[in-house]
Protein backbone atom coordinates (compact mmCIF):
# COMPACT_ATOMS: atom_id res chain seq x y z
CA MET A 1 -10.01 -7.49 -14.26
CA ILE A 2 -8.71 -5.18 -11.47
CA LEU A 3 -6.32 -6.00 -8.98
CA LEU A 4 -5.36 -4.68 -5.90
CA ILE A 5 -2.30 -5.53 -3.53
CA SER A 6 -0.60 -3.39 -0.68
CA ASP A 7 1.84 -4.22 1.96
CA LEU A 8 4.95 -5.71 -0.12
CA HIS A 9 7.36 -3.76 1.82
CA LEU A 10 10.33 -4.22 -1.30
CA GLU A 11 13.86 -4.48 -0.13
CA GLU A 12 17.19 -6.06 -1.64
CA LYS A 13 17.23 -7.91 1.69
CA ARG A 14 14.14 -9.89 0.70
CA PRO A 15 14.82 -11.12 -3.07
CA ASP A 16 11.87 -13.90 -2.55
CA ILE A 17 9.24 -11.10 -2.57
CA THR A 18 10.89 -8.89 -5.48
CA ARG A 19 11.04 -12.05 -7.37
CA ALA A 20 7.73 -12.79 -6.62
CA PHE A 21 6.45 -9.32 -7.40
CA LEU A 22 8.40 -9.29 -10.88
CA HIS A 23 6.77 -12.49 -12.03
CA PHE A 24 3.23 -11.12 -10.78
CA LEU A 25 3.94 -8.24 -13.03
CA ALA A 26 5.04 -10.31 -15.92
CA THR A 27 1.71 -12.95 -15.61
CA ARG A 28 -0.95 -11.93 -13.48
CA ALA A 29 -1.15 -8.25 -14.00
CA ARG A 30 -0.59 -7.96 -17.68
CA GLN A 31 -4.07 -9.58 -17.85
CA ALA A 32 -5.45 -6.67 -15.77
CA GLU A 33 -6.69 -3.36 -16.93
CA ALA A 34 -5.57 -1.73 -13.47
CA LEU A 35 -3.14 -2.61 -10.96
CA TYR A 36 -3.96 -0.79 -7.26
CA ILE A 37 -0.89 -0.41 -5.07
CA LEU A 38 -2.39 0.74 -1.61
CA GLY A 39 0.63 1.64 -0.08
CA ASP A 40 3.96 0.24 1.57
CA PHE A 41 4.72 -0.60 -1.46
CA PHE A 42 8.83 -0.37 -0.71
CA GLU A 43 9.82 -0.86 2.93
CA VAL A 44 11.61 2.88 3.46
CA TRP A 45 11.60 5.75 0.81
CA ILE A 46 14.12 8.42 1.51
CA GLY A 47 12.81 10.45 -1.29
CA ASP A 48 12.99 10.19 -5.04
CA ASP A 49 16.56 11.94 -5.59
CA GLY A 50 17.83 8.75 -2.81
CA MET A 51 16.73 6.15 -5.40
CA SER A 52 18.76 2.85 -5.19
CA PRO A 53 19.67 0.69 -8.74
CA PHE A 54 16.75 -2.03 -7.13
CA GLN A 55 14.35 0.63 -6.60
CA HIS A 56 15.17 1.75 -10.48
CA GLU A 57 14.62 -1.82 -11.30
CA ILE A 58 11.20 -2.02 -9.62
CA ALA A 59 10.31 1.37 -11.36
CA ARG A 60 11.62 -0.20 -14.81
CA ALA A 61 9.52 -3.37 -14.23
CA LEU A 62 6.27 -1.06 -13.44
CA ARG A 63 6.76 0.92 -16.48
CA GLU A 64 6.86 -2.16 -18.56
CA LEU A 65 3.52 -3.02 -17.36
CA SER A 66 2.09 0.28 -17.92
CA ASP A 67 3.49 0.10 -21.19
CA ALA A 68 1.38 -2.95 -21.88
CA GLY A 69 -1.66 -1.41 -21.33
CA THR A 70 -2.37 -2.17 -17.78
CA ARG A 71 -2.91 1.21 -15.73
CA ILE A 72 -1.05 1.81 -12.69
CA HIS A 73 -2.13 3.27 -9.32
CA LEU A 74 -0.18 4.06 -6.70
CA MET A 75 -1.04 4.92 -2.64
CA HIS A 76 1.37 6.33 -0.04
CA GLY A 77 1.81 4.07 2.95
CA ASN A 78 3.24 4.84 6.32
CA ARG A 79 6.75 3.73 5.23
CA ASP A 80 7.11 5.34 1.80
CA PHE A 81 5.17 8.48 1.83
CA LEU A 82 8.14 10.40 0.09
CA ILE A 83 7.29 8.65 -2.92
CA GLY A 84 6.98 11.56 -5.51
CA LYS A 85 6.15 12.91 -9.21
CA ALA A 86 10.03 11.43 -10.22
CA PHE A 87 9.28 8.19 -9.20
CA CYS A 88 5.76 7.92 -10.93
CA ARG A 89 7.05 9.45 -14.20
CA GLU A 90 10.04 6.70 -14.34
CA ALA A 91 7.34 3.92 -13.35
CA GLY A 92 4.73 5.13 -15.38
CA CYS A 93 2.19 5.23 -12.48
CA THR A 94 -0.49 7.55 -11.10
CA LEU A 95 -0.31 8.58 -7.66
CA LEU A 96 -3.32 8.55 -5.38
CA SER A 97 -4.72 10.59 -2.51
CA ASP A 98 -5.39 8.75 0.59
CA PRO A 99 -8.43 8.39 0.84
CA CYS A 100 -9.73 8.17 -2.54
CA THR A 101 -12.55 6.35 -4.63
CA ALA A 102 -12.71 4.68 -7.33
CA GLN A 103 -15.82 3.25 -9.57
CA LEU A 104 -14.59 -0.64 -9.26
CA GLY A 105 -16.84 -3.61 -9.72
CA GLY A 106 -19.90 -1.51 -10.94
CA GLU A 107 -19.68 0.53 -7.60
CA ARG A 108 -18.01 3.15 -5.73
CA VAL A 109 -15.53 1.97 -3.46
CA LEU A 110 -13.34 3.80 -0.85
CA LEU A 111 -9.51 3.05 -0.64
CA MET A 112 -6.88 3.38 1.80
CA HIS A 113 -3.76 2.46 2.78
CA GLY A 114 -5.85 2.00 6.62
CA ASP A 115 -2.85 3.70 8.89
CA SER A 116 -5.31 6.58 9.03
CA LEU A 117 -7.84 4.24 10.68
CA CYS A 118 -5.67 3.04 13.60
CA THR A 119 -7.11 6.05 16.00
CA LEU A 120 -6.48 4.57 19.33
CA ASP A 121 -2.68 4.67 18.87
CA VAL A 122 -2.45 7.97 19.76
CA GLY A 123 1.43 8.40 19.70
CA TYR A 124 1.37 7.08 16.22
CA MET A 125 -1.23 9.52 14.90
CA LYS A 126 0.31 12.49 16.23
CA LEU A 127 3.42 11.44 14.30
CA ARG A 128 1.45 10.51 11.55
CA ARG A 129 0.01 14.19 11.34
CA TRP A 130 3.42 15.46 11.97
CA LEU A 131 5.12 13.57 8.74
CA ARG A 132 2.30 14.53 6.44
CA ASN A 133 2.25 18.21 7.04
CA PRO A 134 3.11 19.86 3.95
CA LEU A 135 5.77 21.98 5.96
CA SER A 136 7.42 18.79 7.71
CA LEU A 137 7.57 17.12 3.98
CA LEU A 138 9.56 20.34 2.63
CA ILE A 139 11.78 19.99 5.30
CA LEU A 140 12.20 16.08 5.29
CA ARG A 141 12.87 16.31 1.16
CA ASN A 142 15.59 18.82 1.53
CA LEU A 143 17.59 16.99 4.47
CA PRO A 144 20.71 15.78 3.17
CA LEU A 145 20.32 12.02 1.97
CA ALA A 146 22.69 10.94 4.61
CA THR A 147 20.65 12.35 7.29
CA ARG A 148 17.18 11.15 5.78
CA GLN A 149 18.95 7.63 5.58
CA LYS A 150 19.56 7.66 9.51
CA LEU A 151 16.17 9.25 10.40
CA ALA A 152 14.73 6.30 8.19
CA ARG A 153 16.57 3.62 10.31
CA LYS A 154 15.39 5.34 13.46
CA LEU A 155 11.80 5.28 12.82
CA ARG A 156 11.87 1.88 11.67
CA ASN A 157 13.58 0.28 14.78
CA GLU A 158 11.27 2.54 16.77
CA SER A 159 8.23 1.11 14.54
CA ARG A 160 9.54 -2.52 15.00
CA ALA A 161 9.97 -1.72 19.02
CA GLN A 162 6.61 -0.14 19.74
CA THR A 163 4.78 -2.13 17.48
CA ARG A 164 5.62 -5.70 19.74
CA MET A 165 4.90 -3.59 22.64
CA LYS A 166 1.28 -2.10 21.64
CA ALA A 167 -1.99 -4.32 22.64
CA SER A 168 -3.78 -5.73 19.71
CA GLU A 169 -6.60 -3.48 19.33
CA PHE A 170 -3.96 -0.42 18.97
CA VAL A 171 -2.35 -2.08 15.89
CA ASP A 172 -6.03 -2.78 14.33
CA VAL A 173 -8.47 -0.13 12.71
CA THR A 174 -10.49 1.73 14.99
CA PRO A 175 -14.18 0.23 14.32
CA GLN A 176 -16.20 3.49 14.68
CA GLU A 177 -13.54 5.32 12.71
CA VAL A 178 -14.20 2.77 9.86
CA LEU A 179 -17.94 3.66 10.37
CA ARG A 180 -17.32 7.21 10.14
CA VAL A 181 -15.22 7.16 7.07
CA MET A 182 -17.30 5.36 5.21
CA ALA A 183 -20.53 7.58 6.04
CA ALA A 184 -18.61 10.54 4.90
CA HIS A 185 -17.84 9.19 1.45
CA GLY A 186 -21.14 7.33 0.60
CA VAL A 187 -19.70 3.99 0.18
CA ARG A 188 -20.57 0.21 1.11
CA THR A 189 -17.30 -0.78 0.53
CA LEU A 190 -13.89 -0.11 1.78
CA ILE A 191 -10.80 -1.65 0.53
CA HIS A 192 -7.22 -1.30 2.66
CA GLY A 193 -4.01 -2.77 3.90
CA HIS A 194 -1.75 -1.72 6.56
CA THR A 195 -2.90 -4.12 9.36
CA HIS A 196 -1.41 -7.40 7.61
CA ARG A 197 -4.63 -8.92 8.63
CA PRO A 198 -6.60 -10.13 5.41
CA ALA A 199 -9.87 -10.59 5.91
CA VAL A 200 -13.72 -9.58 4.75
CA HIS A 201 -15.98 -7.57 7.55
CA GLU A 202 -19.32 -7.38 7.30
CA LEU A 203 -20.92 -3.85 8.45
CA GLU A 204 -23.46 -1.81 8.48
CA VAL A 205 -23.16 1.85 7.61
CA ASN A 206 -26.35 4.20 7.71
CA GLY A 207 -28.62 1.14 8.00
CA GLN A 208 -27.33 -0.61 4.73
CA PRO A 209 -25.14 -3.69 4.28
CA ALA A 210 -21.33 -2.77 3.77
CA ARG A 211 -18.28 -4.66 3.92
CA ARG A 212 -14.54 -3.56 4.84
CA ILE A 213 -11.97 -5.54 2.70
CA VAL A 214 -8.56 -5.68 4.17
CA LEU A 215 -5.61 -6.48 1.82
CA GLY A 216 -2.96 -9.14 2.56
CA ASP A 217 0.78 -8.41 3.18
CA TRP A 218 3.39 -10.23 1.33
CA ASP A 219 5.69 -11.98 3.53
CA ARG A 220 5.51 -15.80 3.68
CA GLN A 221 2.90 -15.54 0.82
CA GLY A 222 1.37 -12.93 -1.64
CA TRP A 223 -1.76 -12.06 -1.60
CA ALA A 224 -3.96 -9.99 -4.58
CA LEU A 225 -7.71 -9.05 -4.67
CA GLN A 226 -9.16 -9.59 -7.93
CA ILE A 227 -12.21 -7.69 -9.10
CA ASP A 228 -13.68 -9.01 -12.08
CA ASP A 229 -17.52 -10.55 -13.63
CA GLU A 230 -17.55 -12.74 -10.51
CA GLY A 231 -17.03 -10.13 -7.45
CA PHE A 232 -14.23 -9.21 -5.12
CA ASN A 233 -12.41 -12.16 -4.45
CA GLN A 234 -8.68 -12.45 -2.36
CA ALA A 235 -6.59 -15.18 -2.20
CA PRO A 236 -3.23 -16.07 -1.25
CA PHE A 237 -0.31 -17.42 -3.76
CA GLU A 238 2.94 -18.72 -3.42
CA LEU A 239 5.48 -16.23 -2.87
CA ALA A 240 8.61 -17.15 -5.06
CA PRO A 241 7.56 -19.58 -8.17
CA ALA A 242 10.24 -21.47 -9.09
CA ASN A 243 10.38 -20.39 -12.54
CA ALA A 244 10.39 -16.71 -11.41
CA CYS A 245 13.54 -14.74 -12.42
CA GLU A 246 15.86 -12.86 -10.50
CA PRO A 247 15.53 -9.22 -10.54
C-alpha cells in the first residue's frame, strides 16, 4: 500500500490538523510501504535554520515512521519551498523534484505539487519563477531570520488577498498545460495537489485515455489517496479523531 497526501498547511494555529496528522502517522501510515507528501506540508517555512519546536516535533514524528519502515517522500509546495536537506535528514525523508515520475500501482505516474500548472495566473507564475531561481533561493536563505519572517508574513497576506479577488479559472490548473506536461513525460496518470479541489478528471493524452487525480487539502477533513491491489482510491476522513493525542 502507498499513500499520497498534500496541502496540510501544518501550523500551531491548527492543532486539530496536527492531531489528525500525528494520528495518521501512528496508524494508517504505519501500514504503508511509502508515504508521498506533495507540497504545502507546512503553512510557511522560512528555512531549516529557523525551525520552531513545533516543526521539530513534526520532524520527529516523521522520523519515527521512517524508522518503522515506511519510506517518506516530500515535495516542495508554494508555501514551504525553502525546506532543505537539514529537515529531510532530521525527518528521515527524501526530497523530490517537481515534477517527478514514480512507479506506482504498476504504472509510471507523474507527481507534482500543482501550482506550476496554473499558467493563467501570470502574476503568480512570474513570482514563482523568481522565487525558485537558484540565485533568489541563495539570497533568501542568507537573509536574517527576522527579515525572512517578515517577508513570509507579507507574501502570505498578499496571497490570501489576491486569491479572494482572482477568477476561478486563475486559481485552477490550465487544461492545455496539463495535457502538455503529461505528454512530455509520457504518462497517463498525473497526481497533484495545490488547488484544494479533490477529484479525478478523465482525459485523453495523445489519443490514449488518461486521468488527473487532484489530492484534497486538510481543513475541515483530511484526505489521502491510497494505492493498493484495488487501484487508486481517495477518500476523506475525520480530521481530529477523539482518541488522537495532542502533539
